[in-house]
Structure formats: C-alpha cells, structure tokens
C-alpha cells in the first residue's frame, strides 16, 4: 500500500490523463453521492448547486430571455436532483433532465411524481446524448462546462448545436481566472468518516496548477482507509470572454451574448463568472 500511495502523491502528468479505470468517480459513488445530494438540497450553500435564492433568480431571468411560449422544450444538462428543472417546469417549460448520478436522479424522479411535474429524467452522461433538433433551450449550470477537457467541450458544443432547433439557445456558465487558486497540499484525519468515506480515514488534498494551453487546475483528494487507498481527481479550466468566444465560434452558432452570471448580471472583465448564451 505504501508504494501505491507514494505513486499517487506525484503530480499527475497531463499527457497521461487518468481514465475511470485508474481514478475513482466522485459523481456516482454510493457514499459520496449522499453528501453531494445533501449539498444540492441545502438552500444556503453555494456548493453542488448555488443558493436556492439564486436559482430562483436564474430561472426567472432565463424565462424572460427565452419565454416558454416561444421556447417550450428545455433540456437541463447535469440536472442533479432537479432543483432547476422543477422551477423551469413551473415557469412553463416542458423539461428533460440528464445527470450521471443515480442518487440525484432517483430523488428528482420522486419529486416529479410528488409534484406532478411530468419531467423526464435520465441517468446519462450528457457527452453521450444524441438528440437532433429537439430542444428550444439547453442549460448547463454551475460551471460544469469548465470541468471538461478541451476535446470533450468541443464534442459537447457540437452535440448541443445538433440538439437545438433553429433559433434555440444554449446557456451555460464558467469561472474566470480570478477563481484559480494557489497550489497547496493539506491533510486531515477523519476519525468518524466524512464526505469521501463512512470509514475512518486519512484525507490528503492537493491543488495542482498547470501551464498548459487549457490552464488546467487539478483538485486531487486521496482517501486512505485501513485497507484501501482511493484517488479522486477533478479537473477545472478558467475562461476569459475572449477565450470562450474563440472556443465556441467555429461550432456554427449564429450569435453569442455574454453576462456576468446565469441570472443576467451585466458582464464585467473583473467578475468571477461568465454566462454565455449561444443562439443557433
């Protein structure tokens, strides 16, 4: 186990990115997904979902930007437990939600039955979706776009462009370089378990920054229990308006509008987030 741990503590090589076979997934782990769902549902946390007050503002703004009578069918990518989707339905949209987390989708489906909202939820990686001219609005909220590699982002842009009808909109947000953090390493003893494991464990956290063209940030957590070592990697990327414009321009959208956040705040080059609205 010691040799495995020492190997994991080296800075990962971006030219040899891990696959799911060599790095554990955060998003659908049986234990971790409980904590993720709790974070989503806490109305005051800007964690897995932003505060519920912000979600209300965001849905109100999107419904003004793309009124449901003219833009009736909405696809919510990375929908989680359906907090946005339920509000989109109340605003008048016919909603479909995709998310990789079985636990979040199970909760969302329970709420859809309870509320009679009729939302169609699917457990699916949105990079595998294959819709063609079916939606009037597609949303991807809370910086999920920036977690993807450059290749996956281009693939997603192409898939969303194909999934949208003519004149439809793709709305997503990213973080700017102001949110990029300093490199660091820390550790803590979790005697009673914690977010990553219900067992007692030692948690080794690290933030690595890379000077590659994509300005990659890696947030790595290594979880050491009595009988196992697991590694969780989350990659992130940061965008200026210019870089985002250059990335989306070749896909073929007819226009791109920029805002300071996904609730319609005015864009500023000193802001921490950028929302882009792409029109097909």
C-alpha atoms as a PDB file:
ATOM      1  CA  UNK A   1       0.000   0.000   0.000  1.00  0.00           C
ATOM      2  CA  UNK A   2       2.877   2.392   0.746  1.00  0.00           C
ATOM      3  CA  UNK A   3       4.282   2.116  -2.785  1.00  0.00           C
ATOM      4  CA  UNK A   4       0.816   2.751  -4.226  1.00  0.00           C
ATOM      5  CA  UNK A   5       0.401   5.815  -2.025  1.00  0.00           C
ATOM      6  CA  UNK A   6       3.812   7.222  -2.943  1.00  0.00           C
ATOM      7  CA  UNK A   7       2.990   6.794  -6.637  1.00  0.00           C
ATOM      8  CA  UNK A   8      -0.300   8.645  -6.202  1.00  0.00           C
ATOM      9  CA  UNK A   9       1.333  11.582  -4.459  1.00  0.00           C
ATOM     10  CA  UNK A  10       3.284  12.605  -7.557  1.00  0.00           C
ATOM     11  CA  UNK A  11       1.909  15.466  -9.650  1.00  0.00           C
ATOM     12  CA  UNK A  12      -0.160  13.790 -12.398  1.00  0.00           C
ATOM     13  CA  UNK A  13       1.096  14.128 -15.953  1.00  0.00           C
ATOM     14  CA  UNK A  14      -1.500  15.896 -18.090  1.00  0.00           C
ATOM     15  CA  UNK A  15      -0.258  13.965 -21.118  1.00  0.00           C
ATOM     16  CA  UNK A  16      -1.407  10.747 -19.459  1.00  0.00           C
ATOM     17  CA  UNK A  17      -4.798  11.697 -18.003  1.00  0.00           C
ATOM     18  CA  UNK A  18      -6.388   9.009 -15.883  1.00  0.00           C
ATOM     19  CA  UNK A  19      -9.369   7.059 -17.095  1.00  0.00           C
ATOM     20  CA  UNK A  20     -12.181   5.822 -14.890  1.00  0.00           C
ATOM     21  CA  UNK A  21     -10.261   2.570 -14.542  1.00  0.00           C
ATOM     22  CA  UNK A  22      -7.403   4.238 -12.678  1.00  0.00           C
ATOM     23  CA  UNK A  23      -9.240   7.004 -10.822  1.00  0.00           C
ATOM     24  CA  UNK A  24     -12.432   6.691  -8.818  1.00  0.00           C
ATOM     25  CA  UNK A  25     -15.505   8.693  -9.801  1.00  0.00           C
ATOM     26  CA  UNK A  26     -16.946  11.277  -7.424  1.00  0.00           C
ATOM     27  CA  UNK A  27     -20.278  11.607  -9.115  1.00  0.00           C
ATOM     28  CA  UNK A  28     -21.867   8.207  -8.586  1.00  0.00           C
ATOM     29  CA  UNK A  29     -20.053   6.760  -5.572  1.00  0.00           C
ATOM     30  CA  UNK A  30     -22.568   5.143  -3.195  1.00  0.00           C
ATOM     31  CA  UNK A  31     -21.340   7.083  -0.140  1.00  0.00           C
ATOM     32  CA  UNK A  32     -20.145  10.334  -1.720  1.00  0.00           C
ATOM     33  CA  UNK A  33     -23.385  10.798  -3.636  1.00  0.00           C
ATOM     34  CA  UNK A  34     -25.184  11.128  -0.277  1.00  0.00           C
ATOM     35  CA  UNK A  35     -23.055  14.140   0.596  1.00  0.00           C
ATOM     36  CA  UNK A  36     -23.456  15.550  -2.905  1.00  0.00           C
ATOM     37  CA  UNK A  37     -27.235  15.324  -2.653  1.00  0.00           C
ATOM     38  CA  UNK A  38     -27.162  16.994   0.763  1.00  0.00           C
ATOM     39  CA  UNK A  39     -25.099  19.839  -0.711  1.00  0.00           C
ATOM     40  CA  UNK A  40     -27.567  20.231  -3.585  1.00  0.00           C
ATOM     41  CA  UNK A  41     -30.533  20.410  -1.230  1.00  0.00           C
ATOM     42  CA  UNK A  42     -29.080  22.854   1.303  1.00  0.00           C
ATOM     43  CA  UNK A  43     -30.829  26.130   0.385  1.00  0.00           C
ATOM     44  CA  UNK A  44     -27.988  28.337   1.630  1.00  0.00           C
ATOM     45  CA  UNK A  45     -24.911  26.607   0.193  1.00  0.00           C
ATOM     46  CA  UNK A  46     -23.181  27.696  -3.000  1.00  0.00           C
ATOM     47  CA  UNK A  47     -21.843  24.183  -3.340  1.00  0.00           C
ATOM     48  CA  UNK A  48     -23.180  21.494  -5.686  1.00  0.00           C
ATOM     49  CA  UNK A  49     -25.987  23.929  -6.556  1.00  0.00           C
ATOM     50  CA  UNK A  50     -25.932  27.657  -5.899  1.00  0.00           C
ATOM     51  CA  UNK A  51     -28.189  29.010  -3.160  1.00  0.00           C
ATOM     52  CA  UNK A  52     -31.850  28.402  -3.859  1.00  0.00           C
ATOM     53  CA  UNK A  53     -32.500  32.152  -3.855  1.00  0.00           C
ATOM     54  CA  UNK A  54     -30.033  32.465  -6.746  1.00  0.00           C
ATOM     55  CA  UNK A  55     -31.666  29.517  -8.530  1.00  0.00           C
ATOM     56  CA  UNK A  56     -34.995  31.368  -8.375  1.00  0.00           C
ATOM     57  CA  UNK A  57     -33.392  34.489  -9.861  1.00  0.00           C
ATOM     58  CA  UNK A  58     -31.676  32.429 -12.540  1.00  0.00           C
ATOM     59  CA  UNK A  59     -34.849  30.656 -13.672  1.00  0.00           C
ATOM     60  CA  UNK A  60     -36.745  33.968 -13.728  1.00  0.00           C
ATOM     61  CA  UNK A  61     -34.065  35.527 -15.950  1.00  0.00           C
ATOM     62  CA  UNK A  62     -33.865  32.549 -18.327  1.00  0.00           C
ATOM     63  CA  UNK A  63     -37.656  32.533 -18.689  1.00  0.00           C
ATOM     64  CA  UNK A  64     -37.508  36.230 -19.699  1.00  0.00           C
ATOM     65  CA  UNK A  65     -34.611  35.604 -22.083  1.00  0.00           C
ATOM     66  CA  UNK A  66     -36.295  32.595 -23.705  1.00  0.00           C
ATOM     67  CA  UNK A  67     -40.040  32.793 -22.915  1.00  0.00           C
ATOM     68  CA  UNK A  68     -41.613  29.320 -22.680  1.00  0.00           C
ATOM     69  CA  UNK A  69     -44.399  30.067 -25.188  1.00  0.00           C
ATOM     70  CA  UNK A  70     -41.719  30.676 -27.857  1.00  0.00           C
ATOM     71  CA  UNK A  71     -39.124  28.248 -26.455  1.00  0.00           C
ATOM     72  CA  UNK A  72     -41.229  25.419 -24.941  1.00  0.00           C
ATOM     73  CA  UNK A  73     -38.842  22.444 -24.722  1.00  0.00           C
ATOM     74  CA  UNK A  74     -35.873  22.688 -22.336  1.00  0.00           C
ATOM     75  CA  UNK A  75     -33.036  20.218 -21.730  1.00  0.00           C
ATOM     76  CA  UNK A  76     -31.216  20.615 -18.391  1.00  0.00           C
ATOM     77  CA  UNK A  77     -27.759  19.012 -18.563  1.00  0.00           C
ATOM     78  CA  UNK A  78     -26.214  17.986 -15.242  1.00  0.00           C
ATOM     79  CA  UNK A  79     -29.642  18.480 -13.682  1.00  0.00           C
ATOM     80  CA  UNK A  80     -28.751  16.903 -10.309  1.00  0.00           C
ATOM     81  CA  UNK A  81     -31.797  16.418  -8.064  1.00  0.00           C
ATOM     82  CA  UNK A  82     -33.973  18.650 -10.239  1.00  0.00           C
ATOM     83  CA  UNK A  83     -33.879  21.965  -8.406  1.00  0.00           C
ATOM     84  CA  UNK A  84     -33.666  23.959 -11.637  1.00  0.00           C
ATOM     85  CA  UNK A  85     -35.843  21.504 -13.570  1.00  0.00           C
ATOM     86  CA  UNK A  86     -38.786  21.797 -11.163  1.00  0.00           C
ATOM     87  CA  UNK A  87     -38.612  25.578 -11.326  1.00  0.00           C
ATOM     88  CA  UNK A  88     -38.306  25.519 -15.119  1.00  0.00           C
ATOM     89  CA  UNK A  89     -41.477  23.416 -15.238  1.00  0.00           C
ATOM     90  CA  UNK A  90     -43.356  25.873 -13.044  1.00  0.00           C
ATOM     91  CA  UNK A  91     -42.181  28.653 -15.365  1.00  0.00           C
ATOM     92  CA  UNK A  92     -43.891  26.869 -18.268  1.00  0.00           C
ATOM     93  CA  UNK A  93     -41.229  24.725 -19.937  1.00  0.00           C
ATOM     94  CA  UNK A  94     -41.525  21.042 -20.855  1.00  0.00           C
ATOM     95  CA  UNK A  95     -38.323  19.768 -19.233  1.00  0.00           C
ATOM     96  CA  UNK A  96     -35.948  16.863 -19.780  1.00  0.00           C
ATOM     97  CA  UNK A  97     -33.074  16.351 -17.325  1.00  0.00           C
ATOM     98  CA  UNK A  98     -29.827  14.397 -17.739  1.00  0.00           C
ATOM     99  CA  UNK A  99     -27.395  13.562 -14.952  1.00  0.00           C
ATOM    100  CA  UNK A 100     -24.758  10.926 -14.274  1.00  0.00           C
ATOM    101  CA  UNK A 101     -25.719  10.486 -10.588  1.00  0.00           C
ATOM    102  CA  UNK A 102     -28.249   7.728  -9.985  1.00  0.00           C
ATOM    103  CA  UNK A 103     -28.952   9.029  -6.481  1.00  0.00           C
ATOM    104  CA  UNK A 104     -29.715  12.560  -7.687  1.00  0.00           C
ATOM    105  CA  UNK A 105     -31.934  11.301 -10.493  1.00  0.00           C
ATOM    106  CA  UNK A 106     -33.780   8.987  -8.092  1.00  0.00           C
ATOM    107  CA  UNK A 107     -34.516  11.976  -5.837  1.00  0.00           C
ATOM    108  CA  UNK A 108     -35.535  14.104  -8.828  1.00  0.00           C
ATOM    109  CA  UNK A 109     -37.939  11.429 -10.066  1.00  0.00           C
ATOM    110  CA  UNK A 110     -39.534  11.148  -6.612  1.00  0.00           C
ATOM    111  CA  UNK A 111     -40.082  14.915  -6.562  1.00  0.00           C
ATOM    112  CA  UNK A 112     -41.507  14.864 -10.099  1.00  0.00           C
ATOM    113  CA  UNK A 113     -44.086  12.264  -9.021  1.00  0.00           C
ATOM    114  CA  UNK A 114     -44.840  14.161  -5.811  1.00  0.00           C
ATOM    115  CA  UNK A 115     -45.266  17.471  -7.638  1.00  0.00           C
ATOM    116  CA  UNK A 116     -46.898  16.054 -10.758  1.00  0.00           C
ATOM    117  CA  UNK A 117     -44.378  17.976 -12.862  1.00  0.00           C
ATOM    118  CA  UNK A 118     -44.014  15.378 -15.609  1.00  0.00           C
ATOM    119  CA  UNK A 119     -40.270  15.958 -16.014  1.00  0.00           C
ATOM    120  CA  UNK A 120     -38.426  13.256 -17.987  1.00  0.00           C
ATOM    121  CA  UNK A 121     -35.231  12.376 -16.103  1.00  0.00           C
ATOM    122  CA  UNK A 122     -32.474  10.145 -17.471  1.00  0.00           C
ATOM    123  CA  UNK A 123     -29.345   8.713 -15.843  1.00  0.00           C
ATOM    124  CA  UNK A 124     -26.866   9.554 -18.581  1.00  0.00           C
ATOM    125  CA  UNK A 125     -23.527  11.181 -19.254  1.00  0.00           C
ATOM    126  CA  UNK A 126     -24.536  14.144 -21.393  1.00  0.00           C
ATOM    127  CA  UNK A 127     -21.457  13.619 -23.574  1.00  0.00           C
ATOM    128  CA  UNK A 128     -23.266  10.552 -24.939  1.00  0.00           C
ATOM    129  CA  UNK A 129     -26.568  12.277 -25.776  1.00  0.00           C
ATOM    130  CA  UNK A 130     -27.750  12.033 -29.370  1.00  0.00           C
ATOM    131  CA  UNK A 131     -30.648  14.434 -29.875  1.00  0.00           C
ATOM    132  CA  UNK A 132     -31.409  16.134 -33.196  1.00  0.00           C
ATOM    133  CA  UNK A 133     -33.303  19.445 -33.352  1.00  0.00           C
ATOM    134  CA  UNK A 134     -35.495  18.585 -30.364  1.00  0.00           C
ATOM    135  CA  UNK A 135     -35.000  21.442 -27.907  1.00  0.00           C
ATOM    136  CA  UNK A 136     -35.541  25.193 -27.738  1.00  0.00           C
ATOM    137  CA  UNK A 137     -33.312  25.786 -24.703  1.00  0.00           C
ATOM    138  CA  UNK A 138     -30.419  23.775 -23.282  1.00  0.00           C
ATOM    139  CA  UNK A 139     -28.857  24.694 -19.941  1.00  0.00           C
ATOM    140  CA  UNK A 140     -25.609  23.593 -18.266  1.00  0.00           C
ATOM    141  CA  UNK A 141     -25.264  25.473 -14.996  1.00  0.00           C
ATOM    142  CA  UNK A 142     -22.731  25.703 -12.149  1.00  0.00           C
ATOM    143  CA  UNK A 143     -19.531  25.628 -14.191  1.00  0.00           C
ATOM    144  CA  UNK A 144     -19.863  22.042 -15.437  1.00  0.00           C
ATOM    145  CA  UNK A 145     -18.634  23.064 -18.886  1.00  0.00           C
ATOM    146  CA  UNK A 146     -15.232  24.035 -17.491  1.00  0.00           C
ATOM    147  CA  UNK A 147     -14.677  20.645 -15.833  1.00  0.00           C
ATOM    148  CA  UNK A 148     -14.456  19.036 -19.271  1.00  0.00           C
ATOM    149  CA  UNK A 149     -11.286  18.650 -21.306  1.00  0.00           C
ATOM    150  CA  UNK A 150     -10.919  20.777 -24.434  1.00  0.00           C
ATOM    151  CA  UNK A 151     -11.854  17.832 -26.643  1.00  0.00           C
ATOM    152  CA  UNK A 152     -14.943  16.994 -24.597  1.00  0.00           C
ATOM    153  CA  UNK A 153     -16.038  20.639 -24.586  1.00  0.00           C
ATOM    154  CA  UNK A 154     -15.926  20.779 -28.383  1.00  0.00           C
ATOM    155  CA  UNK A 155     -17.818  17.484 -28.573  1.00  0.00           C
ATOM    156  CA  UNK A 156     -20.459  18.856 -26.210  1.00  0.00           C
ATOM    157  CA  UNK A 157     -20.823  22.083 -28.194  1.00  0.00           C
ATOM    158  CA  UNK A 158     -21.384  20.057 -31.359  1.00  0.00           C
ATOM    159  CA  UNK A 159     -23.936  17.817 -29.645  1.00  0.00           C
ATOM    160  CA  UNK A 160     -25.881  20.754 -28.199  1.00  0.00           C
ATOM    161  CA  UNK A 161     -25.832  22.536 -31.567  1.00  0.00           C
ATOM    162  CA  UNK A 162     -27.302  19.407 -33.168  1.00  0.00           C
ATOM    163  CA  UNK A 163     -29.893  19.003 -30.392  1.00  0.00           C
ATOM    164  CA  UNK A 164     -31.226  22.555 -30.766  1.00  0.00           C
ATOM    165  CA  UNK A 165     -33.831  23.779 -33.204  1.00  0.00           C
ATOM    166  CA  UNK A 166     -33.074  26.790 -35.378  1.00  0.00           C
ATOM    167  CA  UNK A 167     -33.112  29.952 -33.239  1.00  0.00           C
ATOM    168  CA  UNK A 168     -32.813  27.950 -29.992  1.00  0.00           C
ATOM    169  CA  UNK A 169     -30.393  28.772 -27.170  1.00  0.00           C
ATOM    170  CA  UNK A 170     -27.603  27.054 -25.218  1.00  0.00           C
ATOM    171  CA  UNK A 171     -26.995  28.733 -21.852  1.00  0.00           C
ATOM    172  CA  UNK A 172     -24.026  27.856 -19.636  1.00  0.00           C
ATOM    173  CA  UNK A 173     -21.598  29.440 -17.214  1.00  0.00           C
ATOM    174  CA  UNK A 174     -17.869  29.188 -16.449  1.00  0.00           C
ATOM    175  CA  UNK A 175     -15.411  30.582 -13.916  1.00  0.00           C
ATOM    176  CA  UNK A 176     -12.838  33.230 -14.790  1.00  0.00           C
ATOM    177  CA  UNK A 177      -9.119  33.154 -13.876  1.00  0.00           C
ATOM    178  CA  UNK A 178      -9.986  35.107 -10.710  1.00  0.00           C
ATOM    179  CA  UNK A 179     -11.237  31.815  -9.277  1.00  0.00           C
ATOM    180  CA  UNK A 180      -7.982  29.983  -9.953  1.00  0.00           C
ATOM    181  CA  UNK A 181      -6.362  29.045  -6.647  1.00  0.00           C
ATOM    182  CA  UNK A 182      -2.806  28.769  -5.391  1.00  0.00           C
ATOM    183  CA  UNK A 183      -1.168  25.363  -5.359  1.00  0.00           C
ATOM    184  CA  UNK A 184      -1.474  23.729  -1.954  1.00  0.00           C
ATOM    185  CA  UNK A 185      -1.389  20.465  -0.045  1.00  0.00           C
ATOM    186  CA  UNK A 186      -3.180  19.606   3.180  1.00  0.00           C
ATOM    187  CA  UNK A 187      -4.246  16.599   5.195  1.00  0.00           C
ATOM    188  CA  UNK A 188      -6.747  15.739   7.880  1.00  0.00           C
ATOM    189  CA  UNK A 189      -7.732  12.750   9.992  1.00  0.00           C
ATOM    190  CA  UNK A 190     -11.438  11.853   9.716  1.00  0.00           C
ATOM    191  CA  UNK A 191     -11.899   9.519  12.666  1.00  0.00           C
ATOM    192  CA  UNK A 192     -15.670   9.295  12.270  1.00  0.00           C
ATOM    193  CA  UNK A 193     -15.719   9.182   8.497  1.00  0.00           C
ATOM    194  CA  UNK A 194     -16.636  12.118   6.299  1.00  0.00           C
ATOM    195  CA  UNK A 195     -17.605  13.229   2.817  1.00  0.00           C
ATOM    196  CA  UNK A 196     -15.359  10.741   0.980  1.00  0.00           C
ATOM    197  CA  UNK A 197     -15.855   7.653   3.150  1.00  0.00           C
ATOM    198  CA  UNK A 198     -18.025   6.482   6.010  1.00  0.00           C
ATOM    199  CA  UNK A 199     -14.985   4.686   7.432  1.00  0.00           C
ATOM    200  CA  UNK A 200     -12.257   6.367   9.496  1.00  0.00           C
ATOM    201  CA  UNK A 201      -9.696   7.689   7.048  1.00  0.00           C
ATOM    202  CA  UNK A 202      -6.809   9.999   6.323  1.00  0.00           C
ATOM    203  CA  UNK A 203      -7.587  12.617   3.670  1.00  0.00           C
ATOM    204  CA  UNK A 204      -4.779  14.112   1.581  1.00  0.00           C
ATOM    205  CA  UNK A 205      -5.897  17.099  -0.520  1.00  0.00           C
ATOM    206  CA  UNK A 206      -3.850  18.863  -3.183  1.00  0.00           C
ATOM    207  CA  UNK A 207      -4.351  21.596  -5.749  1.00  0.00           C
ATOM    208  CA  UNK A 208      -2.053  21.462  -8.791  1.00  0.00           C
ATOM    209  CA  UNK A 209      -1.806  24.170 -11.434  1.00  0.00           C
ATOM    210  CA  UNK A 210      -0.552  23.555 -14.970  1.00  0.00           C
ATOM    211  CA  UNK A 211       0.793  25.963 -17.564  1.00  0.00           C
ATOM    212  CA  UNK A 212      -0.764  24.117 -20.473  1.00  0.00           C
ATOM    213  CA  UNK A 213      -2.765  25.935 -23.137  1.00  0.00           C
ATOM    214  CA  UNK A 214      -6.005  24.998 -21.341  1.00  0.00           C
ATOM    215  CA  UNK A 215      -4.820  26.436 -17.974  1.00  0.00           C
ATOM    216  CA  UNK A 216      -5.740  23.263 -16.136  1.00  0.00           C
ATOM    217  CA  UNK A 217      -6.317  23.123 -12.398  1.00  0.00           C
ATOM    218  CA  UNK A 218      -6.435  19.744 -10.671  1.00  0.00           C
ATOM    219  CA  UNK A 219      -8.135  19.239  -7.321  1.00  0.00           C
ATOM    220  CA  UNK A 220      -6.987  15.873  -6.037  1.00  0.00           C
ATOM    221  CA  UNK A 221      -8.164  14.001  -2.945  1.00  0.00           C
ATOM    222  CA  UNK A 222      -6.519  10.790  -1.751  1.00  0.00           C
ATOM    223  CA  UNK A 223      -8.514   8.793   0.787  1.00  0.00           C
ATOM    224  CA  UNK A 224      -6.646   6.253   2.910  1.00  0.00           C
ATOM    225  CA  UNK A 225      -8.673   3.774   4.948  1.00  0.00           C
ATOM    226  CA  UNK A 226      -7.480   0.773   6.933  1.00  0.00           C
ATOM    227  CA  UNK A 227      -7.472  -1.449   3.862  1.00  0.00           C
ATOM    228  CA  UNK A 228      -7.623   0.752   0.777  1.00  0.00           C
ATOM    229  CA  UNK A 229      -6.339   3.875  -0.989  1.00  0.00           C
ATOM    230  CA  UNK A 230      -8.576   5.759  -3.410  1.00  0.00           C
ATOM    231  CA  UNK A 231      -7.852   8.815  -5.526  1.00  0.00           C
ATOM    232  CA  UNK A 232     -10.403  11.355  -6.766  1.00  0.00           C
ATOM    233  CA  UNK A 233      -9.394  13.882  -9.433  1.00  0.00           C
ATOM    234  CA  UNK A 234     -11.443  16.888 -10.533  1.00  0.00           C
ATOM    235  CA  UNK A 235     -10.006  18.975 -13.349  1.00  0.00           C
ATOM    236  CA  UNK A 236     -11.094  22.555 -13.951  1.00  0.00           C
ATOM    237  CA  UNK A 237     -10.390  25.278 -16.500  1.00  0.00           C
ATOM    238  CA  UNK A 238     -10.849  29.044 -16.467  1.00  0.00           C
ATOM    239  CA  UNK A 239     -12.002  31.375 -19.202  1.00  0.00           C
ATOM    240  CA  UNK A 240     -11.804  34.945 -20.332  1.00  0.00           C
ATOM    241  CA  UNK A 241     -14.520  36.277 -22.611  1.00  0.00           C
ATOM    242  CA  UNK A 242     -12.038  36.241 -25.481  1.00  0.00           C
ATOM    243  CA  UNK A 243     -11.008  32.617 -24.897  1.00  0.00           C
ATOM    244  CA  UNK A 244     -14.620  31.492 -24.619  1.00  0.00           C
ATOM    245  CA  UNK A 245     -15.562  33.362 -27.781  1.00  0.00           C
ATOM    246  CA  UNK A 246     -12.712  31.736 -29.692  1.00  0.00           C
ATOM    247  CA  UNK A 247     -13.758  28.274 -28.490  1.00  0.00           C
ATOM    248  CA  UNK A 248     -17.432  28.486 -29.436  1.00  0.00           C
ATOM    249  CA  UNK A 249     -17.043  30.460 -32.686  1.00  0.00           C
ATOM    250  CA  UNK A 250     -16.137  27.533 -35.004  1.00  0.00           C
ATOM    251  CA  UNK A 251     -19.191  25.451 -33.989  1.00  0.00           C
ATOM    252  CA  UNK A 252     -21.658  27.462 -36.061  1.00  0.00           C
ATOM    253  CA  UNK A 253     -23.900  29.250 -33.594  1.00  0.00           C
ATOM    254  CA  UNK A 254     -25.341  32.429 -35.086  1.00  0.00           C
ATOM    255  CA  UNK A 255     -24.636  34.633 -32.043  1.00  0.00           C
ATOM    256  CA  UNK A 256     -23.077  34.696 -28.584  1.00  0.00           C
ATOM    257  CA  UNK A 257     -24.129  37.010 -25.749  1.00  0.00           C
ATOM    258  CA  UNK A 258     -22.142  37.355 -22.516  1.00  0.00           C
ATOM    259  CA  UNK A 259     -23.330  38.100 -18.988  1.00  0.00           C
ATOM    260  CA  UNK A 260     -21.759  38.256 -15.553  1.00  0.00           C
ATOM    261  CA  UNK A 261     -23.693  35.247 -14.268  1.00  0.00           C
ATOM    262  CA  UNK A 262     -26.540  32.926 -15.173  1.00  0.00           C
ATOM    263  CA  UNK A 263     -29.062  35.288 -13.563  1.00  0.00           C
ATOM    264  CA  UNK A 264     -28.368  38.045 -16.084  1.00  0.00           C
ATOM    265  CA  UNK A 265     -25.837  40.189 -14.229  1.00  0.00           C
ATOM    266  CA  UNK A 266     -24.044  42.626 -16.510  1.00  0.00           C
ATOM    267  CA  UNK A 267     -20.756  41.236 -17.832  1.00  0.00           C
ATOM    268  CA  UNK A 268     -17.568  42.646 -16.310  1.00  0.00           C
ATOM    269  CA  UNK A 269     -13.976  41.698 -17.086  1.00  0.00           C
ATOM    270  CA  UNK A 270     -13.336  41.778 -13.325  1.00  0.00           C
ATOM    271  CA  UNK A 271     -16.033  39.223 -12.495  1.00  0.00           C
ATOM    272  CA  UNK A 272     -15.619  35.690 -11.177  1.00  0.00           C
ATOM    273  CA  UNK A 273     -18.094  34.070 -13.567  1.00  0.00           C
ATOM    274  CA  UNK A 274     -19.181  34.404 -17.190  1.00  0.00           C
ATOM    275  CA  UNK A 275     -22.502  33.240 -18.599  1.00  0.00           C
ATOM    276  CA  UNK A 276     -22.736  32.767 -22.351  1.00  0.00           C
ATOM    277  CA  UNK A 277     -25.959  32.473 -24.333  1.00  0.00           C
ATOM    278  CA  UNK A 278     -25.401  30.849 -27.712  1.00  0.00           C
ATOM    279  CA  UNK A 279     -28.162  31.070 -30.312  1.00  0.00           C
ATOM    280  CA  UNK A 280     -28.314  28.553 -33.152  1.00  0.00           C
END
